[in-house]
Protein backbone atom coordinates (compact mmCIF):
# COMPACT_ATOMS: atom_id res chain seq x y z
CA MET A 1 32.13 54.13 -24.60
CA ARG A 2 30.88 53.76 -28.15
CA THR A 3 32.22 56.30 -30.66
CA VAL A 4 30.01 57.15 -33.63
CA VAL A 5 31.01 59.34 -36.55
CA PHE A 6 27.85 61.10 -37.65
CA GLY A 7 26.86 60.49 -41.28
CA ASP A 8 23.93 60.37 -43.70
CA GLY A 9 23.50 56.64 -43.20
CA MET A 10 23.19 56.97 -39.44
CA ALA A 11 19.80 55.90 -38.10
CA ALA A 12 17.88 58.02 -35.59
CA SER A 13 18.96 57.24 -32.04
CA MET A 14 17.02 56.27 -28.95
CA PRO A 15 16.26 59.03 -26.38
CA CYS A 16 19.33 60.27 -24.53
CA VAL A 17 20.78 62.93 -22.24
CA ALA A 18 23.54 64.87 -24.01
CA THR A 19 25.97 67.74 -23.95
CA ILE A 20 27.74 69.40 -26.87
CA GLY A 21 31.09 71.12 -27.29
CA PHE A 22 34.62 70.89 -28.64
CA PHE A 23 35.92 69.62 -25.25
CA ASP A 24 39.55 70.49 -25.94
CA GLY A 25 41.67 68.82 -23.26
CA VAL A 26 38.65 67.26 -21.51
CA HIS A 27 39.66 69.17 -18.37
CA ARG A 28 38.05 69.01 -14.94
CA GLY A 29 35.41 71.56 -15.93
CA HIS A 30 34.38 69.38 -18.88
CA ARG A 31 34.31 66.26 -16.71
CA HIS A 32 32.19 68.08 -14.12
CA LEU A 33 29.62 68.85 -16.86
CA ILE A 34 29.78 65.29 -18.23
CA GLY A 35 29.23 64.02 -14.68
CA GLU A 36 25.95 65.97 -14.56
CA VAL A 37 24.96 64.39 -17.89
CA THR A 38 25.75 60.82 -16.83
CA ALA A 39 23.97 61.24 -13.48
CA ARG A 40 20.80 62.52 -15.16
CA ALA A 41 20.97 59.76 -17.78
CA ARG A 42 21.08 57.13 -15.04
CA GLU A 43 18.03 58.71 -13.41
CA GLU A 44 16.16 58.61 -16.74
CA GLY A 45 17.37 55.11 -17.64
CA VAL A 46 18.78 56.29 -20.99
CA GLU A 47 22.20 56.73 -22.61
CA SER A 48 24.54 59.59 -21.79
CA VAL A 49 26.03 61.19 -24.90
CA VAL A 50 28.80 63.68 -25.65
CA VAL A 51 28.47 65.43 -29.02
CA THR A 52 31.71 66.89 -30.37
CA PHE A 53 33.32 67.87 -33.68
CA ASP A 54 36.07 66.41 -35.86
CA ARG A 55 37.82 69.79 -36.07
CA HIS A 56 37.70 73.16 -34.35
CA PRO A 57 34.66 75.02 -35.80
CA ARG A 58 36.76 78.15 -36.35
CA GLN A 59 38.95 76.20 -38.79
CA VAL A 60 35.93 76.09 -41.11
CA VAL A 61 34.62 79.59 -40.41
CA SER A 62 38.11 81.18 -40.74
CA SER A 63 40.34 79.31 -43.20
CA ASP A 64 43.52 80.89 -41.79
CA PHE A 65 42.74 79.97 -38.17
CA LYS A 66 45.17 77.50 -36.55
CA PRO A 67 43.92 76.22 -33.20
CA ARG A 68 46.37 75.59 -30.35
CA LEU A 69 45.06 72.22 -29.24
CA LEU A 70 45.31 70.76 -25.77
CA SER A 71 44.31 67.36 -27.16
CA THR A 72 44.27 65.68 -30.55
CA MET A 73 41.09 63.86 -31.58
CA GLU A 74 42.63 60.54 -30.55
CA GLU A 75 43.63 61.90 -27.14
CA LYS A 76 40.22 63.50 -26.68
CA LEU A 77 38.41 60.20 -27.32
CA VAL A 78 40.64 58.39 -24.79
CA LEU A 79 39.90 61.06 -22.18
CA LEU A 80 36.17 61.02 -22.91
CA GLU A 81 36.10 57.25 -22.50
CA LYS A 82 37.59 57.69 -19.03
CA SER A 83 34.79 60.16 -18.16
CA GLY A 84 32.22 57.36 -18.02
CA VAL A 85 29.95 58.63 -20.82
CA ASP A 86 28.10 55.93 -22.77
CA ARG A 87 28.51 57.30 -26.28
CA CYS A 88 30.48 59.93 -28.16
CA VAL A 89 29.10 61.30 -31.44
CA VAL A 90 31.70 63.00 -33.65
CA LEU A 91 30.15 65.51 -36.06
CA PRO A 92 32.09 66.30 -39.26
CA PHE A 93 32.01 70.10 -39.08
CA ASP A 94 31.71 71.71 -42.52
CA ARG A 95 30.34 74.91 -44.06
CA ASP A 96 26.78 73.53 -44.19
CA MET A 97 26.84 72.83 -40.47
CA ALA A 98 28.46 76.21 -39.78
CA ALA A 99 25.55 77.90 -41.57
CA MET A 100 22.88 76.22 -39.40
CA SER A 101 21.15 78.34 -36.80
CA ALA A 102 20.99 77.04 -33.25
CA GLN A 103 17.30 76.25 -33.78
CA GLU A 104 18.03 74.27 -36.96
CA PHE A 105 20.90 72.43 -35.29
CA MET A 106 18.80 71.49 -32.27
CA SER A 107 15.90 70.33 -34.45
CA GLU A 108 17.68 68.53 -37.30
CA ILE A 109 20.73 67.11 -35.53
CA LEU A 110 20.12 66.90 -31.79
CA SER A 111 16.40 66.07 -31.77
CA LYS A 112 15.64 64.19 -35.00
CA ARG A 113 18.92 62.39 -35.54
CA LEU A 114 20.37 61.95 -32.06
CA GLY A 115 17.19 61.68 -29.97
CA VAL A 116 18.29 64.23 -27.36
CA LYS A 117 15.60 64.72 -24.69
CA VAL A 118 17.73 66.54 -22.12
CA LEU A 119 20.54 68.87 -23.26
CA TYR A 120 23.19 70.28 -20.92
CA THR A 121 25.18 73.26 -22.17
CA GLY A 122 28.38 74.60 -20.67
CA TYR A 123 27.94 77.72 -18.54
CA ASP A 124 29.43 79.91 -21.32
CA HIS A 125 28.93 77.71 -24.40
CA ARG A 126 27.22 79.00 -27.53
CA PHE A 127 26.52 77.19 -30.79
CA GLY A 128 24.76 77.86 -34.08
CA HIS A 129 25.59 80.27 -36.92
CA ASN A 130 27.80 83.15 -35.70
CA ARG A 131 27.07 81.99 -32.12
CA SER A 132 24.44 84.73 -32.16
CA GLU A 133 21.94 83.00 -29.86
CA GLY A 134 22.25 82.29 -26.15
CA PHE A 135 20.97 80.03 -23.41
CA SER A 136 17.49 81.59 -23.18
CA ASP A 137 17.05 80.95 -26.93
CA TYR A 138 18.10 77.32 -26.51
CA VAL A 139 15.53 76.88 -23.72
CA GLU A 140 12.78 78.28 -25.95
CA TYR A 141 13.73 76.09 -28.93
CA GLY A 142 13.89 73.13 -26.57
CA ARG A 143 10.29 73.68 -25.44
CA GLU A 144 9.19 73.50 -29.07
CA LEU A 145 11.08 70.21 -29.48
CA ASP A 146 10.05 68.65 -26.15
CA MET A 147 13.71 68.90 -25.13
CA GLU A 148 14.71 70.07 -21.67
CA VAL A 149 17.69 72.44 -21.82
CA LEU A 150 19.83 72.97 -18.72
CA GLN A 151 22.92 75.06 -18.11
CA GLY A 152 25.84 73.37 -16.37
CA GLU A 153 27.52 75.04 -13.41
CA PRO A 154 31.08 76.39 -13.83
CA TYR A 155 33.84 74.36 -12.20
CA LEU A 156 35.81 76.60 -9.85
CA LEU A 157 39.42 76.00 -8.81
CA ASP A 158 40.74 78.57 -6.33
CA GLY A 159 38.01 80.93 -7.51
CA VAL A 160 38.85 80.55 -11.23
CA ASN A 161 36.47 79.03 -13.77
CA VAL A 162 38.41 76.15 -15.32
CA SER A 163 38.27 76.43 -19.11
CA SER A 164 40.36 75.42 -22.11
CA SER A 165 41.45 79.05 -22.62
CA VAL A 166 42.62 79.27 -18.99
CA VAL A 167 44.66 76.08 -19.41
CA ARG A 168 46.24 77.42 -22.62
CA SER A 169 47.23 80.63 -20.86
CA LEU A 170 48.81 78.66 -18.01
CA LEU A 171 50.75 76.47 -20.45
CA GLU A 172 52.07 79.51 -22.26
CA ALA A 173 53.17 80.92 -18.90
CA GLY A 174 54.90 77.66 -17.94
CA GLU A 175 52.62 77.10 -14.92
CA LEU A 176 52.62 73.32 -15.20
CA ARG A 177 51.56 72.61 -11.62
CA LEU A 178 48.39 74.65 -12.15
CA VAL A 179 47.88 73.08 -15.58
CA SER A 180 47.92 69.61 -14.00
CA ARG A 181 45.39 70.71 -11.36
CA CYS A 182 43.03 72.16 -13.99
CA LEU A 183 43.32 69.15 -16.30
CA GLY A 184 43.31 66.50 -13.59
CA TYR A 185 46.27 64.85 -15.34
CA ASN A 186 49.73 65.82 -16.60
CA TYR A 187 49.81 67.61 -19.93
CA THR A 188 51.36 65.34 -22.55
CA ILE A 189 52.77 65.76 -26.04
CA LEU A 190 53.34 62.90 -28.46
CA GLY A 191 56.11 62.86 -31.05
CA HIS A 192 59.00 60.95 -32.61
CA VAL A 193 62.71 61.05 -31.83
CA VAL A 194 64.68 62.59 -34.70
CA ARG A 195 68.40 63.23 -35.21
CA GLY A 196 69.82 66.49 -33.91
CA GLU A 197 73.21 68.19 -33.81
CA HIS A 198 74.61 66.12 -30.88
CA VAL A 199 75.52 69.26 -28.93
CA GLY A 200 74.19 67.74 -25.70
CA THR A 201 76.14 64.52 -26.24
CA ALA A 202 79.40 66.46 -26.47
CA MET A 203 78.69 67.94 -23.01
CA GLY A 204 77.75 64.61 -21.44
CA PHE A 205 74.00 65.19 -21.72
CA PRO A 206 72.73 63.23 -24.75
CA THR A 207 69.25 64.35 -25.75
CA ALA A 208 66.33 62.93 -27.66
CA ASN A 209 65.29 65.57 -30.18
CA ILE A 210 61.52 65.42 -30.51
CA LYS A 211 59.34 66.28 -33.50
CA VAL A 212 55.75 66.63 -32.31
CA ASP A 213 53.32 64.50 -34.32
CA ASP A 214 50.53 67.10 -34.56
CA ASP A 215 51.65 70.63 -35.42
CA LEU A 216 48.40 72.03 -33.95
CA LYS A 217 49.27 70.72 -30.48
CA LEU A 218 50.10 73.54 -28.05
CA ILE A 219 53.70 73.47 -26.83
CA PRO A 220 54.40 74.91 -23.35
CA ALA A 221 56.50 78.05 -22.88
CA ASN A 222 60.24 77.96 -23.55
CA GLY A 223 62.25 76.69 -20.61
CA VAL A 224 63.56 73.62 -18.82
CA TYR A 225 61.07 71.13 -17.37
CA ALA A 226 60.92 68.05 -15.19
CA VAL A 227 59.08 65.44 -17.26
CA LYS A 228 58.41 61.75 -17.55
CA VAL A 229 58.62 59.95 -20.89
CA ARG A 230 57.32 56.76 -22.40
CA VAL A 231 59.27 55.44 -25.38
CA ALA A 232 57.83 52.88 -27.77
CA GLY A 233 59.42 49.50 -27.12
CA PHE A 234 60.24 50.23 -23.46
CA ALA A 235 57.82 49.08 -20.78
CA GLU A 236 58.81 51.51 -18.05
CA GLU A 237 58.09 55.22 -17.84
CA MET A 238 61.40 57.11 -17.47
CA THR A 239 62.32 60.37 -15.77
CA ALA A 240 63.86 63.18 -17.81
CA MET A 241 64.54 66.88 -18.06
CA LEU A 242 63.39 68.64 -21.19
CA ASN A 243 64.35 71.91 -22.85
CA ILE A 244 62.03 73.87 -25.13
CA GLY A 245 63.59 76.82 -26.92
CA LEU A 246 66.20 78.25 -29.27
CA ARG A 247 69.41 77.08 -27.54
CA PRO A 248 70.68 80.68 -27.24
CA THR A 249 74.14 79.59 -25.96
CA PHE A 250 74.76 78.10 -29.44
CA GLU A 251 72.98 80.89 -31.36
CA GLY A 252 70.07 78.65 -32.30
CA LYS A 253 67.51 80.01 -34.75
CA GLU A 254 64.76 77.39 -34.61
CA LYS A 255 62.78 76.15 -31.64
CA THR A 256 63.72 72.63 -30.53
CA ILE A 257 62.33 70.19 -28.00
CA GLU A 258 65.07 68.06 -26.43
CA ALA A 259 64.77 65.51 -23.61
CA HIS A 260 67.68 64.18 -21.58
CA ILE A 261 66.48 60.88 -20.10
CA LEU A 262 68.12 60.49 -16.71
CA GLY A 263 70.35 57.42 -16.41
CA PHE A 264 69.59 56.21 -19.94
CA SER A 265 71.87 55.90 -22.96
CA GLY A 266 70.04 53.64 -25.44
CA ASP A 267 69.40 54.30 -29.14
CA ILE A 268 65.81 55.46 -29.57
CA TYR A 269 66.00 57.26 -32.93
CA GLY A 270 62.77 56.94 -34.90
CA ARG A 271 60.75 55.75 -31.93
CA GLN A 272 57.54 57.34 -30.75
CA ILE A 273 57.85 59.20 -27.46
CA ALA A 274 55.22 60.60 -25.07
CA VAL A 275 56.32 63.45 -22.79
CA SER A 276 54.30 64.26 -19.64
CA PHE A 277 55.04 67.61 -17.99
CA TYR A 278 55.34 67.97 -14.20
CA GLU A 279 57.04 71.25 -13.35
CA LYS A 280 59.06 74.05 -14.92
CA ILE A 281 62.60 74.19 -13.50
CA ARG A 282 63.82 77.46 -14.99
CA GLU A 283 63.70 79.82 -17.94
CA GLU A 284 65.91 79.19 -20.95
CA ARG A 285 68.88 81.59 -21.00
CA LYS A 286 72.19 82.17 -22.71
CA PHE A 287 75.38 81.00 -20.96
CA ARG A 288 78.88 82.38 -21.47
CA SER A 289 80.35 78.99 -22.37
CA SER A 290 79.41 75.34 -22.92
CA ALA A 291 81.17 74.53 -19.63
CA GLU A 292 78.92 76.94 -17.74
CA LEU A 293 75.89 75.45 -19.48
CA ALA A 294 77.05 71.91 -18.59
CA ALA A 295 77.29 72.87 -14.92
CA GLN A 296 73.76 74.27 -15.05
CA LEU A 297 72.46 71.14 -16.76
CA ASP A 298 73.95 69.06 -13.97
CA ALA A 299 72.03 71.17 -11.46
CA ASP A 300 68.88 70.91 -13.62
CA ALA A 301 69.16 67.11 -13.67
CA SER A 302 69.38 67.03 -9.87
CA GLU A 303 66.36 69.30 -9.57
CA ALA A 304 64.38 67.19 -12.05
CA GLU A 305 65.21 64.06 -10.04
CA ARG A 306 64.06 65.77 -6.83
CA ILE A 307 60.77 66.93 -8.36
CA LEU A 308 59.95 63.62 -9.96
CA ARG A 309 60.95 61.62 -6.90
CA THR A 310 58.29 63.48 -4.89
CA GLU A 311 55.80 62.53 -7.62
CA GLY A 312 56.44 58.85 -6.95
């Protein structure tokens, strides 16, 4: 996949089949739509193109909006490359672009600059100023531009339309099994190991305290999870249990993310760590003593091992 950041010096492209959207998480619904694009592009003998944005459009329209991202831009590009699309065009979204009507956007950007001859839209996707126009408008503007506009079919999983908002809701509910099914991969956060208060070490459960690299990345619901981790400098993926929450047994006031890597005791402070979520083990709760908590952590570790062993 070739990635192109759209700019003034960019020459007009050859004819292509394209789709447009933010594609947060590049979930199975997105990949279903991209599959329609790549299949049509092969039929036409032209490039398949995904058009996306360098930031969430609402960050420009509403300055106080903070998106809860399923994927960073870097993660999104990796996932899009795996989708099989030929080219990804990243549009710098600014106030000028936000002010463009759908007709202006289709004419000036998609047709004249990107050479789009066939445009697939998501089943519920709208673009243009205030998102005030809909699919029938896009079809009409397309006729004027000699651009065929088609609407992709929704991707259904157990009768539910898979969407980024659905995945966010499932993450916030701790439904990691369903999240993995909707995404087609295990949800992952990337961060660095920082120093903590060594409470876990004192109980025999040393933890890697994790500071997430991108503060816009959505963190799953509080609780204890079975996860796998990759640590910079170590070749093998390792099994772990991870707690997200306030550590109520110790009257914690700030949310922490702490991973206990099973059977590992090395020094990994300062290293980058990737955490992939498999299943929620239990809710976070307050225990009467550190001894009671330690007994529960021992049970959690056994449960995490059981879950992850079945995952191979």
